[in-house]
Structure formats: structure tokens, C-alpha cells
Amino acid sequence: MGTIYYGGSATPIHIEDRALAHLKVIIATKLRRGESFTLSWRHPDDQPRGRSTIWLQESIPLRFVFDDPEPTMLSPEWMEELANSANSSGGIMLVAEHFDNAPNSPLADAAESR
């Protein structure tokens, strides 16, 4: 489980490492261009129901921490979906990856063995 430390908030944001790796690339690209946007996610099952949204802007401190020391393989399809979301008026809504196209998923492994 990865973590985003955002601004001066004492509450870290926990996100699965694979999702965080994809988000990091999209967020870094947008902020490097000076583009501000929102990031929204549903609360995990161990928290009260709901969702949260933060405003991402280049002057707000942001740090990504990954539990896995090795970088994850990124899915071009998921990256494109997140980038399109980031460029919309609603900002990024973190959604589950479409695992039928994800590397190392049971469906992807089955497709490769054909």
C-alpha cells in the first residue's frame, strides 16, 4: 500500500502501489506543465463510506511513498484513461484498472499462452 503525503495535512492518503505508480506519472506530467486539477477517490472499505477530493497545484508539497522497492510495469491503457480523466473538468477520478489488459493479470497471462 503506497502513500501520498499532500500539503501540510497530517493525514496520509493510502493507495495501492500499482495505482499510485500510474497516478504519479499523470500528476507529475500535469504539474510540470503548470496545470492544476482535482484528484478524487472512494474511501477504502475500512473507512466510513464516501469519497474525497483534493486540489493538486504545483506550489503544494506532494510526496509519493511506495511499499514495493521495485517500480511497477505501467499499463498504457490505464495511463491513457487517467490522463483523459485528468484533462476533464471533473479531474482524475481514481478507478480500478481494467485487469483484462493489465500485465501479469490472469486474463493477460492466458492470452499470452495462446
PDB file of N, CA and C in Angstrom:
ATOM      1  N   MET A   1       0.848  -1.175   0.000  1.00  0.00           N
ATOM      2  CA  MET A   1       0.000   0.000   0.000  1.00  0.00           C
ATOM      3  C   MET A   1       0.891   1.236   0.000  1.00  0.00           C
ATOM      4  N   GLY A   2       0.768   2.048  -1.035  1.00  0.00           N
ATOM      5  CA  GLY A   2       1.536   3.273  -1.137  1.00  0.00           C
ATOM      6  C   GLY A   2       0.853   4.412  -0.394  1.00  0.00           C
ATOM      7  N   THR A   3       1.537   5.529  -0.324  1.00  0.00           N
ATOM      8  CA  THR A   3       1.021   6.672   0.420  1.00  0.00           C
ATOM      9  C   THR A   3       1.336   7.966  -0.322  1.00  0.00           C
ATOM     10  N   ILE A   4       0.365   8.866  -0.328  1.00  0.00           N
ATOM     11  CA  ILE A   4       0.584  10.232  -0.797  1.00  0.00           C
ATOM     12  C   ILE A   4       0.558  11.128   0.432  1.00  0.00           C
ATOM     13  N   TYR A   5       1.594  11.944   0.580  1.00  0.00           N
ATOM     14  CA  TYR A   5       1.608  12.982   1.603  1.00  0.00           C
ATOM     15  C   TYR A   5       1.349  14.286   0.868  1.00  0.00           C
ATOM     16  N   TYR A   6       0.261  14.949   1.236  1.00  0.00           N
ATOM     17  CA  TYR A   6      -0.207  16.103   0.485  1.00  0.00           C
ATOM     18  C   TYR A   6      -0.223  17.351   1.351  1.00  0.00           C
ATOM     19  N   GLY A   7       0.481  18.378   0.908  1.00  0.00           N
ATOM     20  CA  GLY A   7       0.497  19.652   1.613  1.00  0.00           C
ATOM     21  C   GLY A   7       0.919  19.485   3.058  1.00  0.00           C
ATOM     22  N   GLY A   8       0.292  20.226   3.939  1.00  0.00           N
ATOM     23  CA  GLY A   8       0.594  20.153   5.359  1.00  0.00           C
ATOM     24  C   GLY A   8      -0.324  19.217   6.115  1.00  0.00           C
ATOM     25  N   SER A   9      -1.114  18.427   5.393  1.00  0.00           N
ATOM     26  CA  SER A   9      -2.067  17.530   6.047  1.00  0.00           C
ATOM     27  C   SER A   9      -1.346  16.454   6.844  1.00  0.00           C
ATOM     28  N   ALA A  10      -1.826  16.220   8.048  1.00  0.00           N
ATOM     29  CA  ALA A  10      -1.263  15.168   8.888  1.00  0.00           C
ATOM     30  C   ALA A  10      -1.833  13.804   8.529  1.00  0.00           C
ATOM     31  N   THR A  11      -2.843  13.774   7.669  1.00  0.00           N
ATOM     32  CA  THR A  11      -3.489  12.523   7.294  1.00  0.00           C
ATOM     33  C   THR A  11      -2.955  12.043   5.951  1.00  0.00           C
ATOM     34  N   PRO A  12      -2.197  10.937   5.932  1.00  0.00           N
ATOM     35  CA  PRO A  12      -1.704  10.419   4.657  1.00  0.00           C
ATOM     36  C   PRO A  12      -2.842   9.798   3.851  1.00  0.00           C
ATOM     37  N   ILE A  13      -2.668   9.752   2.551  1.00  0.00           N
ATOM     38  CA  ILE A  13      -3.642   9.139   1.651  1.00  0.00           C
ATOM     39  C   ILE A  13      -3.053   7.810   1.197  1.00  0.00           C
ATOM     40  N   HIS A  14      -3.726   6.714   1.530  1.00  0.00           N
ATOM     41  CA  HIS A  14      -3.223   5.379   1.194  1.00  0.00           C
ATOM     42  C   HIS A  14      -3.851   4.890  -0.104  1.00  0.00           C
ATOM     43  N   ILE A  15      -2.990   4.483  -1.033  1.00  0.00           N
ATOM     44  CA  ILE A  15      -3.421   3.998  -2.343  1.00  0.00           C
ATOM     45  C   ILE A  15      -2.527   2.816  -2.705  1.00  0.00           C
ATOM     46  N   GLU A  16      -3.105   1.801  -3.317  1.00  0.00           N
ATOM     47  CA  GLU A  16      -2.319   0.642  -3.734  1.00  0.00           C
ATOM     48  C   GLU A  16      -1.127   1.097  -4.579  1.00  0.00           C
ATOM     49  N   ASP A  17       0.021   0.426  -4.404  1.00  0.00           N
ATOM     50  CA  ASP A  17       1.247   0.805  -5.109  1.00  0.00           C
ATOM     51  C   ASP A  17       1.060   0.908  -6.623  1.00  0.00           C
ATOM     52  N   ARG A  18       0.373  -0.061  -7.218  1.00  0.00           N
ATOM     53  CA  ARG A  18       0.211  -0.060  -8.678  1.00  0.00           C
ATOM     54  C   ARG A  18      -0.582   1.175  -9.127  1.00  0.00           C
ATOM     55  N   ALA A  19      -1.658   1.478  -8.443  1.00  0.00           N
ATOM     56  CA  ALA A  19      -2.448   2.665  -8.783  1.00  0.00           C
ATOM     57  C   ALA A  19      -1.624   3.931  -8.553  1.00  0.00           C
ATOM     58  N   LEU A  20      -0.869   3.964  -7.464  1.00  0.00           N
ATOM     59  CA  LEU A  20      -0.061   5.137  -7.145  1.00  0.00           C
ATOM     60  C   LEU A  20       1.022   5.374  -8.197  1.00  0.00           C
ATOM     61  N   ALA A  21       1.607   4.308  -8.716  1.00  0.00           N
ATOM     62  CA  ALA A  21       2.631   4.447  -9.757  1.00  0.00           C
ATOM     63  C   ALA A  21       2.050   5.118 -11.001  1.00  0.00           C
ATOM     64  N   HIS A  22       0.846   4.718 -11.376  1.00  0.00           N
ATOM     65  CA  HIS A  22       0.184   5.324 -12.527  1.00  0.00           C
ATOM     66  C   HIS A  22      -0.169   6.786 -12.235  1.00  0.00           C
ATOM     67  N   LEU A  23      -0.711   7.030 -11.055  1.00  0.00           N
ATOM     68  CA  LEU A  23      -1.070   8.400 -10.671  1.00  0.00           C
ATOM     69  C   LEU A  23       0.145   9.315 -10.654  1.00  0.00           C
ATOM     70  N   LYS A  24       1.258   8.816 -10.139  1.00  0.00           N
ATOM     71  CA  LYS A  24       2.469   9.630 -10.030  1.00  0.00           C
ATOM     72  C   LYS A  24       2.878  10.181 -11.388  1.00  0.00           C
ATOM     73  N   VAL A  25       2.843   9.348 -12.411  1.00  0.00           N
ATOM     74  CA  VAL A  25       3.240   9.788 -13.751  1.00  0.00           C
ATOM     75  C   VAL A  25       2.284  10.859 -14.276  1.00  0.00           C
ATOM     76  N   ILE A  26       0.989  10.624 -14.134  1.00  0.00           N
ATOM     77  CA  ILE A  26      -0.005  11.581 -14.629  1.00  0.00           C
ATOM     78  C   ILE A  26       0.087  12.894 -13.851  1.00  0.00           C
ATOM     79  N   ILE A  27       0.171  12.799 -12.530  1.00  0.00           N
ATOM     80  CA  ILE A  27       0.250  14.003 -11.692  1.00  0.00           C
ATOM     81  C   ILE A  27       1.515  14.799 -12.003  1.00  0.00           C
ATOM     82  N   ALA A  28       2.662  14.114 -12.087  1.00  0.00           N
ATOM     83  CA  ALA A  28       3.922  14.810 -12.372  1.00  0.00           C
ATOM     84  C   ALA A  28       3.874  15.506 -13.729  1.00  0.00           C
ATOM     85  N   THR A  29       3.290  14.857 -14.716  1.00  0.00           N
ATOM     86  CA  THR A  29       3.178  15.452 -16.051  1.00  0.00           C
ATOM     87  C   THR A  29       2.325  16.715 -16.014  1.00  0.00           C
ATOM     88  N   LYS A  30       1.170  16.624 -15.359  1.00  0.00           N
ATOM     89  CA  LYS A  30       0.272  17.786 -15.285  1.00  0.00           C
ATOM     90  C   LYS A  30       0.933  18.941 -14.521  1.00  0.00           C
ATOM     91  N   LEU A  31       1.539  18.649 -13.381  1.00  0.00           N
ATOM     92  CA  LEU A  31       2.137  19.708 -12.570  1.00  0.00           C
ATOM     93  C   LEU A  31       3.351  20.319 -13.262  1.00  0.00           C
ATOM     94  N   ARG A  32       4.119  19.509 -13.974  1.00  0.00           N
ATOM     95  CA  ARG A  32       5.269  20.024 -14.716  1.00  0.00           C
ATOM     96  C   ARG A  32       4.824  21.051 -15.754  1.00  0.00           C
ATOM     97  N   ARG A  33       3.642  20.859 -16.304  1.00  0.00           N
ATOM     98  CA  ARG A  33       3.088  21.798 -17.294  1.00  0.00           C
ATOM     99  C   ARG A  33       2.417  23.010 -16.640  1.00  0.00           C
ATOM    100  N   GLY A  34       2.373  23.026 -15.305  1.00  0.00           N
ATOM    101  CA  GLY A  34       1.723  24.118 -14.588  1.00  0.00           C
ATOM    102  C   GLY A  34       0.211  24.003 -14.565  1.00  0.00           C
ATOM    103  N   GLU A  35      -0.302  22.798 -14.795  1.00  0.00           N
ATOM    104  CA  GLU A  35      -1.749  22.571 -14.835  1.00  0.00           C
ATOM    105  C   GLU A  35      -2.246  22.083 -13.480  1.00  0.00           C
ATOM    106  N   SER A  36      -3.234  22.761 -12.927  1.00  0.00           N
ATOM    107  CA  SER A  36      -3.867  22.355 -11.668  1.00  0.00           C
ATOM    108  C   SER A  36      -5.100  21.521 -11.986  1.00  0.00           C
ATOM    109  N   PHE A  37      -5.473  20.625 -11.069  1.00  0.00           N
ATOM    110  CA  PHE A  37      -6.617  19.740 -11.295  1.00  0.00           C
ATOM    111  C   PHE A  37      -6.996  19.076  -9.979  1.00  0.00           C
ATOM    112  N   THR A  38      -8.091  18.334  -9.992  1.00  0.00           N
ATOM    113  CA  THR A  38      -8.515  17.609  -8.796  1.00  0.00           C
ATOM    114  C   THR A  38      -8.225  16.123  -8.941  1.00  0.00           C
ATOM    115  N   LEU A  39      -8.102  15.468  -7.791  1.00  0.00           N
ATOM    116  CA  LEU A  39      -7.965  14.014  -7.700  1.00  0.00           C
ATOM    117  C   LEU A  39      -9.007  13.539  -6.701  1.00  0.00           C
ATOM    118  N   SER A  40      -9.856  12.618  -7.116  1.00  0.00           N
ATOM    119  CA  SER A  40     -10.919  12.083  -6.255  1.00  0.00           C
ATOM    120  C   SER A  40     -10.794  10.571  -6.166  1.00  0.00           C
ATOM    121  N   TRP A  41     -11.230  10.020  -5.032  1.00  0.00           N
ATOM    122  CA  TRP A  41     -11.220   8.572  -4.835  1.00  0.00           C
ATOM    123  C   TRP A  41     -12.300   8.195  -3.844  1.00  0.00           C
ATOM    124  N   ARG A  42     -12.732   6.950  -3.937  1.00  0.00           N
ATOM    125  CA  ARG A  42     -13.683   6.408  -2.959  1.00  0.00           C
ATOM    126  C   ARG A  42     -12.915   5.962  -1.731  1.00  0.00           C
ATOM    127  N   HIS A  43     -13.536   6.111  -0.579  1.00  0.00           N
ATOM    128  CA  HIS A  43     -12.878   5.688   0.654  1.00  0.00           C
ATOM    129  C   HIS A  43     -12.751   4.172   0.691  1.00  0.00           C
ATOM    130  N   PRO A  44     -11.649   3.671   1.248  1.00  0.00           N
ATOM    131  CA  PRO A  44     -11.479   2.218   1.378  1.00  0.00           C
ATOM    132  C   PRO A  44     -12.554   1.616   2.284  1.00  0.00           C
ATOM    133  N   ASP A  45     -12.699   0.309   2.195  1.00  0.00           N
ATOM    134  CA  ASP A  45     -13.730  -0.395   2.965  1.00  0.00           C
ATOM    135  C   ASP A  45     -13.588  -0.217   4.473  1.00  0.00           C
ATOM    136  N   ASP A  46     -12.357   0.014   4.965  1.00  0.00           N
ATOM    137  CA  ASP A  46     -12.149   0.141   6.411  1.00  0.00           C
ATOM    138  C   ASP A  46     -12.432   1.558   6.930  1.00  0.00           C
ATOM    139  N   GLN A  47     -12.913   2.449   6.062  1.00  0.00           N
ATOM    140  CA  GLN A  47     -13.258   3.812   6.457  1.00  0.00           C
ATOM    141  C   GLN A  47     -14.751   4.032   6.239  1.00  0.00           C
ATOM    142  N   PRO A  48     -15.297   5.080   6.854  1.00  0.00           N
ATOM    143  CA  PRO A  48     -16.710   5.394   6.593  1.00  0.00           C
ATOM    144  C   PRO A  48     -16.936   5.617   5.095  1.00  0.00           C
ATOM    145  N   ARG A  49     -18.118   5.229   4.633  1.00  0.00           N
ATOM    146  CA  ARG A  49     -18.443   5.370   3.208  1.00  0.00           C
ATOM    147  C   ARG A  49     -18.279   6.810   2.755  1.00  0.00           C
ATOM    148  N   GLY A  50     -17.925   6.976   1.513  1.00  0.00           N
ATOM    149  CA  GLY A  50     -17.812   8.311   0.945  1.00  0.00           C
ATOM    150  C   GLY A  50     -16.661   8.398  -0.028  1.00  0.00           C
ATOM    151  N   ARG A  51     -16.346   9.618  -0.403  1.00  0.00           N
ATOM    152  CA  ARG A  51     -15.221   9.857  -1.292  1.00  0.00           C
ATOM    153  C   ARG A  51     -14.566  11.168  -0.893  1.00  0.00           C
ATOM    154  N   SER A  52     -13.350  11.350  -1.344  1.00  0.00           N
ATOM    155  CA  SER A  52     -12.594  12.568  -1.055  1.00  0.00           C
ATOM    156  C   SER A  52     -12.056  13.146  -2.350  1.00  0.00           C
ATOM    157  N   THR A  53     -11.808  14.446  -2.328  1.00  0.00           N
ATOM    158  CA  THR A  53     -11.212  15.143  -3.465  1.00  0.00           C
ATOM    159  C   THR A  53     -10.179  16.125  -2.932  1.00  0.00           C
ATOM    160  N   ILE A  54      -9.028  16.176  -3.592  1.00  0.00           N
ATOM    161  CA  ILE A  54      -8.010  17.177  -3.263  1.00  0.00           C
ATOM    162  C   ILE A  54      -7.698  17.983  -4.521  1.00  0.00           C
ATOM    163  N   TRP A  55      -7.263  19.221  -4.324  1.00  0.00           N
ATOM    164  CA  TRP A  55      -6.852  20.095  -5.410  1.00  0.00           C
ATOM    165  C   TRP A  55      -5.341  19.983  -5.530  1.00  0.00           C
ATOM    166  N   LEU A  56      -4.861  19.599  -6.696  1.00  0.00           N
ATOM    167  CA  LEU A  56      -3.426  19.466  -6.928  1.00  0.00           C
ATOM    168  C   LEU A  56      -2.938  20.678  -7.713  1.00  0.00           C
ATOM    169  N   GLN A  57      -1.924  21.331  -7.149  1.00  0.00           N
ATOM    170  CA  GLN A  57      -1.373  22.548  -7.732  1.00  0.00           C
ATOM    171  C   GLN A  57       0.118  22.535  -7.477  1.00  0.00           C
ATOM    172  N   GLU A  58       0.911  23.026  -8.393  1.00  0.00           N
ATOM    173  CA  GLU A  58       2.360  22.867  -8.332  1.00  0.00           C
ATOM    174  C   GLU A  58       3.024  23.453  -7.089  1.00  0.00           C
ATOM    175  N   SER A  59       2.407  24.404  -6.403  1.00  0.00           N
ATOM    176  CA  SER A  59       3.046  25.001  -5.226  1.00  0.00           C
ATOM    177  C   SER A  59       2.732  24.243  -3.931  1.00  0.00           C
ATOM    178  N   ILE A  60       1.866  23.240  -4.002  1.00  0.00           N
ATOM    179  CA  ILE A  60       1.501  22.464  -2.815  1.00  0.00           C
ATOM    180  C   ILE A  60       2.428  21.254  -2.719  1.00  0.00           C
ATOM    181  N   PRO A  61       3.148  21.092  -1.586  1.00  0.00           N
ATOM    182  CA  PRO A  61       4.065  19.954  -1.455  1.00  0.00           C
ATOM    183  C   PRO A  61       3.337  18.617  -1.621  1.00  0.00           C
ATOM    184  N   LEU A  62       4.004  17.702  -2.308  1.00  0.00           N
ATOM    185  CA  LEU A  62       3.425  16.403  -2.615  1.00  0.00           C
ATOM    186  C   LEU A  62       4.546  15.372  -2.612  1.00  0.00           C
ATOM    187  N   ARG A  63       4.315  14.250  -1.913  1.00  0.00           N
ATOM    188  CA  ARG A  63       5.330  13.195  -1.855  1.00  0.00           C
ATOM    189  C   ARG A  63       4.651  11.847  -2.020  1.00  0.00           C
ATOM    190  N   PHE A  64       5.255  10.983  -2.832  1.00  0.00           N
ATOM    191  CA  PHE A  64       4.754   9.634  -3.067  1.00  0.00           C
ATOM    192  C   PHE A  64       5.687   8.648  -2.383  1.00  0.00           C
ATOM    193  N   VAL A  65       5.129   7.713  -1.622  1.00  0.00           N
ATOM    194  CA  VAL A  65       5.923   6.680  -0.958  1.00  0.00           C
ATOM    195  C   VAL A  65       5.339   5.326  -1.347  1.00  0.00           C
ATOM    196  N   PHE A  66       6.213   4.438  -1.822  1.00  0.00           N
ATOM    197  CA  PHE A  66       5.791   3.108  -2.263  1.00  0.00           C
ATOM    198  C   PHE A  66       6.311   2.052  -1.303  1.00  0.00           C
ATOM    199  N   ASP A  67       5.487   1.053  -1.004  1.00  0.00           N
ATOM    200  CA  ASP A  67       5.940  -0.064  -0.176  1.00  0.00           C
ATOM    201  C   ASP A  67       6.886  -0.975  -0.953  1.00  0.00           C
ATOM    202  N   ASP A  68       6.590  -1.193  -2.229  1.00  0.00           N
ATOM    203  CA  ASP A  68       7.404  -2.072  -3.064  1.00  0.00           C
ATOM    204  C   ASP A  68       8.628  -1.305  -3.554  1.00  0.00           C
ATOM    205  N   PRO A  69       9.842  -1.812  -3.300  1.00  0.00           N
ATOM    206  CA  PRO A  69      11.036  -1.089  -3.727  1.00  0.00           C
ATOM    207  C   PRO A  69      11.257  -1.108  -5.243  1.00  0.00           C
ATOM    208  N   GLU A  70      10.624  -2.035  -5.948  1.00  0.00           N
ATOM    209  CA  GLU A  70      10.786  -2.137  -7.398  1.00  0.00           C
ATOM    210  C   GLU A  70       9.677  -1.376  -8.117  1.00  0.00           C
ATOM    211  N   PRO A  71      10.009  -0.646  -9.184  1.00  0.00           N
ATOM    212  CA  PRO A  71       8.972   0.040  -9.960  1.00  0.00           C
ATOM    213  C   PRO A  71       8.030  -0.975 -10.601  1.00  0.00           C
ATOM    214  N   THR A  72       6.775  -0.606 -10.726  1.00  0.00           N
ATOM    215  CA  THR A  72       5.783  -1.485 -11.333  1.00  0.00           C
ATOM    216  C   THR A  72       5.706  -1.224 -12.835  1.00  0.00           C
ATOM    217  N   MET A  73       5.314  -2.242 -13.582  1.00  0.00           N
ATOM    218  CA  MET A  73       5.096  -2.067 -15.015  1.00  0.00           C
ATOM    219  C   MET A  73       3.795  -1.286 -15.192  1.00  0.00           C
ATOM    220  N   LEU A  74       3.839  -0.253 -16.006  1.00  0.00           N
ATOM    221  CA  LEU A  74       2.666   0.598 -16.193  1.00  0.00           C
ATOM    222  C   LEU A  74       1.831   0.122 -17.377  1.00  0.00           C
ATOM    223  N   SER A  75       0.527   0.254 -17.236  1.00  0.00           N
ATOM    224  CA  SER A  75      -0.419  -0.109 -18.287  1.00  0.00           C
ATOM    225  C   SER A  75      -0.707   1.118 -19.146  1.00  0.00           C
ATOM    226  N   PRO A  76      -0.366   1.079 -20.439  1.00  0.00           N
ATOM    227  CA  PRO A  76      -0.654   2.232 -21.304  1.00  0.00           C
ATOM    228  C   PRO A  76      -2.142   2.575 -21.352  1.00  0.00           C
ATOM    229  N   GLU A  77      -2.989   1.560 -21.320  1.00  0.00           N
ATOM    230  CA  GLU A  77      -4.432   1.798 -21.378  1.00  0.00           C
ATOM    231  C   GLU A  77      -4.917   2.545 -20.138  1.00  0.00           C
ATOM    232  N   TRP A  78      -4.441   2.119 -18.964  1.00  0.00           N
ATOM    233  CA  TRP A  78      -4.856   2.771 -17.720  1.00  0.00           C
ATOM    234  C   TRP A  78      -4.289   4.190 -17.655  1.00  0.00           C
ATOM    235  N   MET A  79      -3.038   4.355 -18.134  1.00  0.00           N
ATOM    236  CA  MET A  79      -2.429   5.689 -18.160  1.00  0.00           C
ATOM    237  C   MET A  79      -3.267   6.630 -19.032  1.00  0.00           C
ATOM    238  N   GLU A  80      -3.691   6.141 -20.191  1.00  0.00           N
ATOM    239  CA  GLU A  80      -4.498   6.966 -21.085  1.00  0.00           C
ATOM    240  C   GLU A  80      -5.833   7.329 -20.436  1.00  0.00           C
ATOM    241  N   GLU A  81      -6.446   6.360 -19.767  1.00  0.00           N
ATOM    242  CA  GLU A  81      -7.723   6.619 -19.095  1.00  0.00           C
ATOM    243  C   GLU A  81      -7.564   7.674 -17.997  1.00  0.00           C
ATOM    244  N   LEU A  82      -6.505   7.552 -17.198  1.00  0.00           N
ATOM    245  CA  LEU A  82      -6.264   8.527 -16.131  1.00  0.00           C
ATOM    246  C   LEU A  82      -5.925   9.907 -16.708  1.00  0.00           C
ATOM    247  N   ALA A  83      -5.134   9.942 -17.783  1.00  0.00           N
ATOM    248  CA  ALA A  83      -4.776  11.223 -18.405  1.00  0.00           C
ATOM    249  C   ALA A  83      -6.015  11.914 -18.965  1.00  0.00           C
ATOM    250  N   ASN A  84      -6.879  11.149 -19.614  1.00  0.00           N
ATOM    251  CA  ASN A  84      -8.121  11.732 -20.136  1.00  0.00           C
ATOM    252  C   ASN A  84      -8.979  12.272 -19.001  1.00  0.00           C
ATOM    253  N   SER A  85      -9.036  11.530 -17.912  1.00  0.00           N
ATOM    254  CA  SER A  85      -9.789  11.971 -16.739  1.00  0.00           C
ATOM    255  C   SER A  85      -9.183  13.260 -16.176  1.00  0.00           C
ATOM    256  N   ALA A  86      -7.853  13.305 -16.094  1.00  0.00           N
ATOM    257  CA  ALA A  86      -7.168  14.487 -15.554  1.00  0.00           C
ATOM    258  C   ALA A  86      -7.444  15.724 -16.395  1.00  0.00           C
ATOM    259  N   ASN A  87      -7.640  15.535 -17.689  1.00  0.00           N
ATOM    260  CA  ASN A  87      -7.880  16.663 -18.591  1.00  0.00           C
ATOM    261  C   ASN A  87      -9.341  17.075 -18.663  1.00  0.00           C
ATOM    262  N   SER A  88     -10.208  16.351 -17.969  1.00  0.00           N
ATOM    263  CA  SER A  88     -11.631  16.692 -17.969  1.00  0.00           C
ATOM    264  C   SER A  88     -11.925  17.723 -16.880  1.00  0.00           C
ATOM    265  N   SER A  89     -13.107  18.311 -16.925  1.00  0.00           N
ATOM    266  CA  SER A  89     -13.480  19.308 -15.917  1.00  0.00           C
ATOM    267  C   SER A  89     -13.644  18.688 -14.533  1.00  0.00           C
ATOM    268  N   GLY A  90     -13.869  17.386 -14.460  1.00  0.00           N
ATOM    269  CA  GLY A  90     -14.022  16.706 -13.173  1.00  0.00           C
ATOM    270  C   GLY A  90     -12.712  16.253 -12.558  1.00  0.00           C
ATOM    271  N   GLY A  91     -11.604  16.344 -13.288  1.00  0.00           N
ATOM    272  CA  GLY A  91     -10.313  15.902 -12.781  1.00  0.00           C
ATOM    273  C   GLY A  91     -10.212  14.386 -12.749  1.00  0.00           C
ATOM    274  N   ILE A  92      -9.172  13.889 -12.093  1.00  0.00           N
ATOM    275  CA  ILE A  92      -8.950  12.443 -12.022  1.00  0.00           C
ATOM    276  C   ILE A  92      -9.904  11.830 -11.010  1.00  0.00           C
ATOM    277  N   MET A  93     -10.646  10.845 -11.447  1.00  0.00           N
ATOM    278  CA  MET A  93     -11.415  10.003 -10.527  1.00  0.00           C
ATOM    279  C   MET A  93     -10.720   8.659 -10.552  1.00  0.00           C
ATOM    280  N   LEU A  94     -10.053   8.323  -9.451  1.00  0.00           N
ATOM    281  CA  LEU A  94      -9.299   7.076  -9.397  1.00  0.00           C
ATOM    282  C   LEU A  94     -10.264   5.906  -9.467  1.00  0.00           C
ATOM    283  N   VAL A  95     -10.124   5.117 -10.513  1.00  0.00           N
ATOM    284  CA  VAL A  95     -10.969   3.939 -10.715  1.00  0.00           C
ATOM    285  C   VAL A  95     -10.073   2.722 -10.841  1.00  0.00           C
ATOM    286  N   ALA A  96     -10.660   1.567 -10.660  1.00  0.00           N
ATOM    287  CA  ALA A  96      -9.904   0.324 -10.774  1.00  0.00           C
ATOM    288  C   ALA A  96      -9.402   0.147 -12.200  1.00  0.00           C
ATOM    289  N   GLU A  97      -8.255  -0.482 -12.297  1.00  0.00           N
ATOM    290  CA  GLU A  97      -7.686  -0.802 -13.601  1.00  0.00           C
ATOM    291  C   GLU A  97      -8.532  -1.872 -14.276  1.00  0.00           C
ATOM    292  N   HIS A  98      -8.574  -1.830 -15.592  1.00  0.00           N
ATOM    293  CA  HIS A  98      -9.261  -2.873 -16.351  1.00  0.00           C
ATOM    294  C   HIS A  98      -8.300  -4.052 -16.461  1.00  0.00           C
ATOM    295  N   PHE A  99      -8.451  -5.021 -15.590  1.00  0.00           N
ATOM    296  CA  PHE A  99      -7.462  -6.078 -15.457  1.00  0.00           C
ATOM    297  C   PHE A  99      -7.364  -7.011 -16.647  1.00  0.00           C
ATOM    298  N   ASP A 100      -8.340  -6.995 -17.541  1.00  0.00           N
ATOM    299  CA  ASP A 100      -8.209  -7.854 -18.707  1.00  0.00           C
ATOM    300  C   ASP A 100      -7.064  -7.405 -19.612  1.00  0.00           C
ATOM    301  N   ASN A 101      -6.598  -6.159 -19.474  1.00  0.00           N
ATOM    302  CA  ASN A 101      -5.476  -5.655 -20.263  1.00  0.00           C
ATOM    303  C   ASN A 101      -4.210  -5.457 -19.433  1.00  0.00           C
ATOM    304  N   ALA A 102      -4.296  -5.714 -18.143  1.00  0.00           N
ATOM    305  CA  ALA A 102      -3.171  -5.427 -17.258  1.00  0.00           C
ATOM    306  C   ALA A 102      -2.098  -6.499 -17.370  1.00  0.00           C
ATOM    307  N   PRO A 103      -0.809  -6.099 -17.331  1.00  0.00           N
ATOM    308  CA  PRO A 103       0.249  -7.101 -17.327  1.00  0.00           C
ATOM    309  C   PRO A 103       0.174  -7.932 -16.055  1.00  0.00           C
ATOM    310  N   ASN A 104       0.511  -9.178 -16.158  1.00  0.00           N
ATOM    311  CA  ASN A 104       0.538 -10.113 -15.027  1.00  0.00           C
ATOM    312  C   ASN A 104      -0.836 -10.417 -14.450  1.00  0.00           C
ATOM    313  N   SER A 105      -1.902 -10.090 -15.162  1.00  0.00           N
ATOM    314  CA  SER A 105      -3.224 -10.476 -14.677  1.00  0.00           C
ATOM    315  C   SER A 105      -3.532 -11.865 -15.208  1.00  0.00           C
ATOM    316  N   PRO A 106      -4.404 -12.617 -14.533  1.00  0.00           N
ATOM    317  CA  PRO A 106      -4.724 -13.958 -15.015  1.00  0.00           C
ATOM    318  C   PRO A 106      -5.222 -13.948 -16.458  1.00  0.00           C
ATOM    319  N   LEU A 107      -6.023 -12.954 -16.844  1.00  0.00           N
ATOM    320  CA  LEU A 107      -6.534 -12.910 -18.209  1.00  0.00           C
ATOM    321  C   LEU A 107      -5.429 -12.579 -19.205  1.00  0.00           C
ATOM    322  N   ALA A 108      -4.529 -11.680 -18.844  1.00  0.00           N
ATOM    323  CA  ALA A 108      -3.421 -11.343 -19.736  1.00  0.00           C
ATOM    324  C   ALA A 108      -2.491 -12.536 -19.898  1.00  0.00           C
ATOM    325  N   ASP A 109      -2.226 -13.259 -18.793  1.00  0.00           N
ATOM    326  CA  ASP A 109      -1.376 -14.444 -18.859  1.00  0.00           C
ATOM    327  C   ASP A 109      -1.994 -15.500 -19.764  1.00  0.00           C
ATOM    328  N   ALA A 110      -3.303 -15.673 -19.679  1.00  0.00           N
ATOM    329  CA  ALA A 110      -3.987 -16.663 -20.504  1.00  0.00           C
ATOM    330  C   ALA A 110      -3.899 -16.277 -21.977  1.00  0.00           C
ATOM    331  N   ALA A 111      -4.021 -14.991 -22.274  1.00  0.00           N
ATOM    332  CA  ALA A 111      -3.955 -14.533 -23.660  1.00  0.00           C
ATOM    333  C   ALA A 111      -2.565 -14.748 -24.250  1.00  0.00           C
ATOM    334  N   GLU A 112      -1.525 -14.549 -23.429  1.00  0.00           N
ATOM    335  CA  GLU A 112      -0.161 -14.726 -23.908  1.00  0.00           C
ATOM    336  C   GLU A 112       0.167 -16.178 -24.195  1.00  0.00           C
ATOM    337  N   SER A 113      -0.491 -17.119 -23.518  1.00  0.00           N
ATOM    338  CA  SER A 113      -0.165 -18.533 -23.681  1.00  0.00           C
ATOM    339  C   SER A 113      -0.805 -19.136 -24.927  1.00  0.00           C
ATOM    340  N   ARG A 114      -1.624 -18.369 -25.642  1.00  0.00           N
ATOM    341  CA  ARG A 114      -2.274 -18.882 -26.866  1.00  0.00           C
ATOM    342  C   ARG A 114      -1.334 -18.929 -28.025  1.00  0.00           C
TER     343      ARG A 114
END
